[in-house]
C-alpha atoms as a PDB file:
ATOM      1  CA  UNK A   1      87.640  40.663 123.569  1.00  0.00           C
ATOM      2  CA  UNK A   2      86.679  44.641 123.715  1.00  0.00           C
ATOM      3  CA  UNK A   3      84.188  45.453 121.243  1.00  0.00           C
ATOM      4  CA  UNK A   4      82.874  48.550 119.478  1.00  0.00           C
ATOM      5  CA  UNK A   5      79.216  48.356 121.315  1.00  0.00           C
ATOM      6  CA  UNK A   6      81.216  48.810 124.357  1.00  0.00           C
ATOM      7  CA  UNK A   7      81.901  52.756 123.854  1.00  0.00           C
ATOM      8  CA  UNK A   8      78.020  52.964 122.808  1.00  0.00           C
ATOM      9  CA  UNK A   9      77.250  55.176 125.619  1.00  0.00           C
ATOM     10  CA  UNK A  10      73.445  54.118 125.531  1.00  0.00           C
ATOM     11  CA  UNK A  11      74.431  50.313 125.312  1.00  0.00           C
ATOM     12  CA  UNK A  12      77.446  50.585 127.877  1.00  0.00           C
ATOM     13  CA  UNK A  13      75.479  51.791 130.220  1.00  0.00           C
ATOM     14  CA  UNK A  14      72.624  49.000 129.960  1.00  0.00           C
ATOM     15  CA  UNK A  15      75.365  46.426 130.092  1.00  0.00           C
ATOM     16  CA  UNK A  16      76.873  47.994 132.948  1.00  0.00           C
ATOM     17  CA  UNK A  17      73.562  48.527 134.481  1.00  0.00           C
ATOM     18  CA  UNK A  18      72.792  45.009 133.944  1.00  0.00           C
ATOM     19  CA  UNK A  19      75.990  43.555 135.068  1.00  0.00           C
ATOM     20  CA  UNK A  20      75.621  44.836 138.046  1.00  0.00           C
ATOM     21  CA  UNK A  21      72.426  43.556 139.269  1.00  0.00           C
ATOM     22  CA  UNK A  22      74.661  39.977 139.102  1.00  0.00           C
ATOM     23  CA  UNK A  23      77.833  41.439 139.957  1.00  0.00           C
ATOM     24  CA  UNK A  24      77.632  40.335 143.699  1.00  0.00           C
ATOM     25  CA  UNK A  25      76.886  36.521 142.682  1.00  0.00           C
ATOM     26  CA  UNK A  26      79.908  36.599 140.136  1.00  0.00           C
ATOM     27  CA  UNK A  27      82.211  37.497 143.112  1.00  0.00           C
ATOM     28  CA  UNK A  28      80.677  34.908 145.284  1.00  0.00           C
ATOM     29  CA  UNK A  29      81.400  32.550 142.463  1.00  0.00           C
ATOM     30  CA  UNK A  30      85.050  33.634 142.020  1.00  0.00           C
ATOM     31  CA  UNK A  31      85.895  33.707 145.411  1.00  0.00           C
ATOM     32  CA  UNK A  32      84.944  29.931 145.849  1.00  0.00           C
ATOM     33  CA  UNK A  33      86.767  29.425 142.761  1.00  0.00           C
ATOM     34  CA  UNK A  34      90.168  31.282 143.569  1.00  0.00           C
ATOM     35  CA  UNK A  35      89.659  29.828 147.253  1.00  0.00           C
ATOM     36  CA  UNK A  36      93.041  27.770 146.936  1.00  0.00           C
ATOM     37  CA  UNK A  37      95.129  30.322 145.151  1.00  0.00           C
ATOM     38  CA  UNK A  38      98.088  32.026 147.067  1.00  0.00           C
ATOM     39  CA  UNK A  39      96.829  34.812 149.046  1.00  0.00           C
ATOM     40  CA  UNK A  40      99.644  36.967 147.684  1.00  0.00           C
ATOM     41  CA  UNK A  41      97.603  36.987 144.357  1.00  0.00           C
ATOM     42  CA  UNK A  42      94.084  36.220 145.019  1.00  0.00           C
ATOM     43  CA  UNK A  43      92.678  39.618 144.738  1.00  0.00           C
ATOM     44  CA  UNK A  44      95.029  40.951 141.925  1.00  0.00           C
ATOM     45  CA  UNK A  45      93.134  37.500 140.087  1.00  0.00           C
ATOM     46  CA  UNK A  46      90.045  38.351 141.553  1.00  0.00           C
ATOM     47  CA  UNK A  47      89.773  41.635 139.958  1.00  0.00           C
ATOM     48  CA  UNK A  48      90.824  40.654 136.886  1.00  0.00           C
ATOM     49  CA  UNK A  49      88.198  37.784 136.808  1.00  0.00           C
ATOM     50  CA  UNK A  50      85.792  40.493 137.369  1.00  0.00           C
ATOM     51  CA  UNK A  51      86.789  42.387 134.727  1.00  0.00           C
ATOM     52  CA  UNK A  52      87.081  39.818 131.975  1.00  0.00           C
ATOM     53  CA  UNK A  53      83.486  38.590 133.340  1.00  0.00           C
ATOM     54  CA  UNK A  54      82.296  41.904 132.371  1.00  0.00           C
ATOM     55  CA  UNK A  55      83.835  41.778 128.846  1.00  0.00           C
ATOM     56  CA  UNK A  56      82.089  38.511 128.790  1.00  0.00           C
ATOM     57  CA  UNK A  57      78.882  39.780 129.457  1.00  0.00           C
ATOM     58  CA  UNK A  58      79.231  42.664 127.241  1.00  0.00           C
ATOM     59  CA  UNK A  59      79.787  40.361 124.447  1.00  0.00           C
ATOM     60  CA  UNK A  60      76.990  38.352 124.814  1.00  0.00           C
ATOM     61  CA  UNK A  61      74.865  41.003 124.542  1.00  0.00           C
ATOM     62  CA  UNK A  62      76.346  42.403 121.270  1.00  0.00           C
ATOM     63  CA  UNK A  63      75.836  38.919 119.950  1.00  0.00           C
ATOM     64  CA  UNK A  64      71.999  39.093 121.098  1.00  0.00           C
ATOM     65  CA  UNK A  65      72.781  36.528 123.205  1.00  0.00           C
ATOM     66  CA  UNK A  66      72.184  37.645 127.105  1.00  0.00           C
ATOM     67  CA  UNK A  67      69.879  34.721 127.737  1.00  0.00           C
ATOM     68  CA  UNK A  68      73.147  33.033 128.283  1.00  0.00           C
ATOM     69  CA  UNK A  69      74.926  35.054 130.422  1.00  0.00           C
ATOM     70  CA  UNK A  70      74.304  32.847 133.940  1.00  0.00           C
ATOM     71  CA  UNK A  71      76.624  34.620 136.695  1.00  0.00           C
ATOM     72  CA  UNK A  72      78.139  31.293 137.470  1.00  0.00           C
ATOM     73  CA  UNK A  73      78.948  30.587 133.962  1.00  0.00           C
ATOM     74  CA  UNK A  74      80.577  34.176 133.671  1.00  0.00           C
ATOM     75  CA  UNK A  75      82.536  33.650 136.788  1.00  0.00           C
ATOM     76  CA  UNK A  76      83.738  30.364 136.179  1.00  0.00           C
ATOM     77  CA  UNK A  77      85.051  31.128 132.475  1.00  0.00           C
ATOM     78  CA  UNK A  78      86.721  34.428 133.571  1.00  0.00           C
ATOM     79  CA  UNK A  79      88.507  32.467 136.573  1.00  0.00           C
ATOM     80  CA  UNK A  80      89.469  30.014 133.567  1.00  0.00           C
ATOM     81  CA  UNK A  81      90.765  32.638 131.653  1.00  0.00           C
ATOM     82  CA  UNK A  82      92.946  34.938 134.236  1.00  0.00           C
ATOM     83  CA  UNK A  83      94.488  31.595 135.311  1.00  0.00           C
ATOM     84  CA  UNK A  84      95.938  31.072 131.525  1.00  0.00           C
ATOM     85  CA  UNK A  85      97.315  34.074 131.862  1.00  0.00           C
ATOM     86  CA  UNK A  86      94.574  36.151 129.155  1.00  0.00           C
ATOM     87  CA  UNK A  87      94.328  39.107 131.323  1.00  0.00           C
ATOM     88  CA  UNK A  88      92.150  41.801 129.862  1.00  0.00           C
ATOM     89  CA  UNK A  89      94.099  44.855 128.992  1.00  0.00           C
ATOM     90  CA  UNK A  90      97.045  43.395 129.313  1.00  0.00           C
ATOM     91  CA  UNK A  91      99.535  42.050 126.105  1.00  0.00           C
ATOM     92  CA  UNK A  92     101.624  38.975 127.586  1.00  0.00           C
ATOM     93  CA  UNK A  93     105.046  38.810 127.190  1.00  0.00           C
ATOM     94  CA  UNK A  94     106.408  34.764 127.171  1.00  0.00           C
ATOM     95  CA  UNK A  95     110.047  36.514 127.978  1.00  0.00           C
ATOM     96  CA  UNK A  96     108.530  38.001 131.082  1.00  0.00           C
ATOM     97  CA  UNK A  97     109.311  35.642 134.154  1.00  0.00           C
ATOM     98  CA  UNK A  98     105.917  37.077 135.978  1.00  0.00           C
ATOM     99  CA  UNK A  99     103.554  36.421 132.612  1.00  0.00           C
ATOM    100  CA  UNK A 100     101.518  33.426 133.610  1.00  0.00           C
ATOM    101  CA  UNK A 101     101.733  32.544 129.834  1.00  0.00           C
ATOM    102  CA  UNK A 102     105.768  32.420 130.424  1.00  0.00           C
ATOM    103  CA  UNK A 103     105.638  30.201 133.831  1.00  0.00           C
ATOM    104  CA  UNK A 104     103.179  28.165 131.762  1.00  0.00           C
ATOM    105  CA  UNK A 105     105.273  27.477 128.634  1.00  0.00           C
ATOM    106  CA  UNK A 106     108.446  27.071 130.383  1.00  0.00           C
ATOM    107  CA  UNK A 107     107.506  25.284 132.992  1.00  0.00           C
ATOM    108  CA  UNK A 108     108.158  27.749 136.753  1.00  0.00           C
ATOM    109  CA  UNK A 109     107.068  29.433 138.797  1.00  0.00           C
ATOM    110  CA  UNK A 110     107.603  32.337 141.486  1.00  0.00           C
ATOM    111  CA  UNK A 111     107.257  32.506 144.928  1.00  0.00           C
ATOM    112  CA  UNK A 112     106.436  35.752 147.009  1.00  0.00           C
ATOM    113  CA  UNK A 113     110.197  36.933 148.832  1.00  0.00           C
ATOM    114  CA  UNK A 114     109.560  36.967 152.537  1.00  0.00           C
ATOM    115  CA  UNK A 115     112.587  39.259 153.779  1.00  0.00           C
ATOM    116  CA  UNK A 116     112.056  38.012 157.190  1.00  0.00           C
ATOM    117  CA  UNK A 117     112.225  34.475 156.348  1.00  0.00           C
ATOM    118  CA  UNK A 118     115.139  34.589 153.955  1.00  0.00           C
ATOM    119  CA  UNK A 119     118.422  36.009 154.054  1.00  0.00           C
ATOM    120  CA  UNK A 120     121.204  35.697 151.340  1.00  0.00           C
ATOM    121  CA  UNK A 121     123.282  33.481 153.317  1.00  0.00           C
ATOM    122  CA  UNK A 122     126.172  35.253 152.817  1.00  0.00           C
ATOM    123  CA  UNK A 123     124.676  37.790 155.497  1.00  0.00           C
ATOM    124  CA  UNK A 124     124.455  35.353 158.425  1.00  0.00           C
ATOM    125  CA  UNK A 125     127.623  32.758 157.778  1.00  0.00           C
ATOM    126  CA  UNK A 126     131.367  33.743 158.827  1.00  0.00           C
ATOM    127  CA  UNK A 127     133.897  33.509 155.258  1.00  0.00           C
ATOM    128  CA  UNK A 128     136.052  31.969 158.094  1.00  0.00           C
ATOM    129  CA  UNK A 129     133.788  29.183 159.132  1.00  0.00           C
ATOM    130  CA  UNK A 130     134.805  25.927 157.973  1.00  0.00           C
ATOM    131  CA  UNK A 131     132.087  24.030 155.411  1.00  0.00           C
ATOM    132  CA  UNK A 132     130.132  21.843 157.987  1.00  0.00           C
ATOM    133  CA  UNK A 133     129.771  25.276 160.312  1.00  0.00           C
ATOM    134  CA  UNK A 134     128.755  26.884 157.313  1.00  0.00           C
ATOM    135  CA  UNK A 135     126.067  24.331 156.526  1.00  0.00           C
ATOM    136  CA  UNK A 136     124.761  24.063 159.810  1.00  0.00           C
ATOM    137  CA  UNK A 137     124.111  27.708 159.576  1.00  0.00           C
ATOM    138  CA  UNK A 138     122.857  27.746 156.277  1.00  0.00           C
ATOM    139  CA  UNK A 139     119.787  25.537 157.723  1.00  0.00           C
ATOM    140  CA  UNK A 140     119.217  26.637 161.792  1.00  0.00           C
ATOM    141  CA  UNK A 141     119.446  30.130 160.874  1.00  0.00           C
ATOM    142  CA  UNK A 142     115.814  30.355 158.835  1.00  0.00           C
ATOM    143  CA  UNK A 143     114.401  27.521 161.444  1.00  0.00           C
ATOM    144  CA  UNK A 144     115.310  29.664 164.111  1.00  0.00           C
ATOM    145  CA  UNK A 145     113.747  33.266 162.812  1.00  0.00           C
ATOM    146  CA  UNK A 146     110.637  30.770 163.249  1.00  0.00           C
ATOM    147  CA  UNK A 147     111.322  30.176 166.603  1.00  0.00           C
ATOM    148  CA  UNK A 148     110.665  34.108 167.455  1.00  0.00           C
ATOM    149  CA  UNK A 149     107.971  36.378 168.081  1.00  0.00           C
ATOM    150  CA  UNK A 150     107.162  38.847 164.625  1.00  0.00           C
ATOM    151  CA  UNK A 151     108.944  41.482 166.139  1.00  0.00           C
ATOM    152  CA  UNK A 152     112.399  40.060 167.684  1.00  0.00           C
ATOM    153  CA  UNK A 153     112.074  38.294 164.096  1.00  0.00           C
ATOM    154  CA  UNK A 154     111.784  41.561 161.927  1.00  0.00           C
ATOM    155  CA  UNK A 155     114.995  43.206 164.580  1.00  0.00           C
ATOM    156  CA  UNK A 156     116.900  39.960 163.728  1.00  0.00           C
ATOM    157  CA  UNK A 157     116.700  40.568 159.823  1.00  0.00           C
ATOM    158  CA  UNK A 158     117.453  44.202 160.440  1.00  0.00           C
ATOM    159  CA  UNK A 159     120.459  43.631 162.356  1.00  0.00           C
ATOM    160  CA  UNK A 160     121.779  40.735 160.036  1.00  0.00           C
ATOM    161  CA  UNK A 161     121.620  42.893 157.459  1.00  0.00           C
ATOM    162  CA  UNK A 162     124.193  45.146 158.796  1.00  0.00           C
ATOM    163  CA  UNK A 163     121.055  47.824 159.736  1.00  0.00           C
ATOM    164  CA  UNK A 164     123.160  50.044 162.981  1.00  0.00           C
ATOM    165  CA  UNK A 165     121.604  50.159 166.446  1.00  0.00           C
ATOM    166  CA  UNK A 166     120.458  53.719 166.084  1.00  0.00           C
ATOM    167  CA  UNK A 167     118.808  52.818 162.676  1.00  0.00           C
ATOM    168  CA  UNK A 168     116.819  49.846 163.896  1.00  0.00           C
ATOM    169  CA  UNK A 169     115.803  51.769 166.881  1.00  0.00           C
ATOM    170  CA  UNK A 170     114.555  54.329 164.453  1.00  0.00           C
ATOM    171  CA  UNK A 171     112.983  51.881 162.183  1.00  0.00           C
ATOM    172  CA  UNK A 172     110.928  49.946 165.043  1.00  0.00           C
ATOM    173  CA  UNK A 173     110.602  53.163 167.119  1.00  0.00           C
ATOM    174  CA  UNK A 174     112.358  51.482 169.637  1.00  0.00           C
ATOM    175  CA  UNK A 175     115.138  53.206 172.129  1.00  0.00           C
ATOM    176  CA  UNK A 176     118.703  52.283 171.185  1.00  0.00           C
ATOM    177  CA  UNK A 177     119.378  50.763 174.481  1.00  0.00           C
ATOM    178  CA  UNK A 178     116.213  48.439 174.224  1.00  0.00           C
ATOM    179  CA  UNK A 179     117.574  47.822 170.262  1.00  0.00           C
ATOM    180  CA  UNK A 180     120.860  46.561 172.311  1.00  0.00           C
ATOM    181  CA  UNK A 181     118.945  44.560 175.266  1.00  0.00           C
ATOM    182  CA  UNK A 182     117.545  42.886 172.241  1.00  0.00           C
ATOM    183  CA  UNK A 183     120.347  42.216 170.400  1.00  0.00           C
ATOM    184  CA  UNK A 184     121.925  40.615 173.252  1.00  0.00           C
ATOM    185  CA  UNK A 185     118.797  38.385 173.764  1.00  0.00           C
ATOM    186  CA  UNK A 186     118.451  37.606 170.152  1.00  0.00           C
ATOM    187  CA  UNK A 187     122.318  36.095 170.849  1.00  0.00           C
ATOM    188  CA  UNK A 188     121.488  34.544 174.055  1.00  0.00           C
ATOM    189  CA  UNK A 189     118.257  32.626 172.115  1.00  0.00           C
ATOM    190  CA  UNK A 190     120.500  31.344 168.880  1.00  0.00           C
ATOM    191  CA  UNK A 191     123.444  29.937 171.068  1.00  0.00           C
ATOM    192  CA  UNK A 192     120.601  28.363 173.357  1.00  0.00           C
ATOM    193  CA  UNK A 193     119.047  27.180 169.708  1.00  0.00           C
ATOM    194  CA  UNK A 194     122.153  25.597 168.872  1.00  0.00           C
ATOM    195  CA  UNK A 195     122.635  23.809 172.370  1.00  0.00           C
ATOM    196  CA  UNK A 196     125.831  25.769 173.028  1.00  0.00           C
ATOM    197  CA  UNK A 197     126.933  28.080 175.985  1.00  0.00           C
ATOM    198  CA  UNK A 198     126.129  31.721 175.838  1.00  0.00           C
ATOM    199  CA  UNK A 199     128.120  33.973 173.874  1.00  0.00           C
ATOM    200  CA  UNK A 200     128.558  37.664 172.695  1.00  0.00           C
ATOM    201  CA  UNK A 201     128.298  37.006 168.957  1.00  0.00           C
ATOM    202  CA  UNK A 202     128.039  40.272 166.767  1.00  0.00           C
ATOM    203  CA  UNK A 203     124.314  39.889 165.232  1.00  0.00           C
ATOM    204  CA  UNK A 204     125.503  43.318 162.847  1.00  0.00           C
END
């Protein structure tokens, strides 16, 4: 809760300085509490938790209960608040799929999309192939990408998405000749992964 006392310059300055003295300890506890959270959202949650800790600290001071404001208790309270979807200064929308409130209420979650390991199946499946071959491709393509080094994986994704040789060369700051060479290496790698003789498939 943001209160009127926080907008009083004198009061706010004193509260801020007192909170800053606690901040290193609060950060350590927050970091520990969030250690098992997904890495992709850990930083944002830590920032939200620090804001929540500050507001809670300011409220305790306004109520004359500043002696109850221990760094560990503030940090743990702030983390629980953030995990429940109650961010400071942000109104939660239960219809927003990215809202923690919506996810908790409707029992679903979102994951980060990684274009290097997830490609729409329509981009990698020949529409003329039989269902069995299509199923194999859907299963194996991700595993094959995971077997490549990071650079070749990114190039494979770009080519599979239809990027031209010249565009791919410009994107990765390589020559068009090198991209053509990598294309052949990728084709050979794919067929070897499938335990089939080398062929010349078009990757994009």
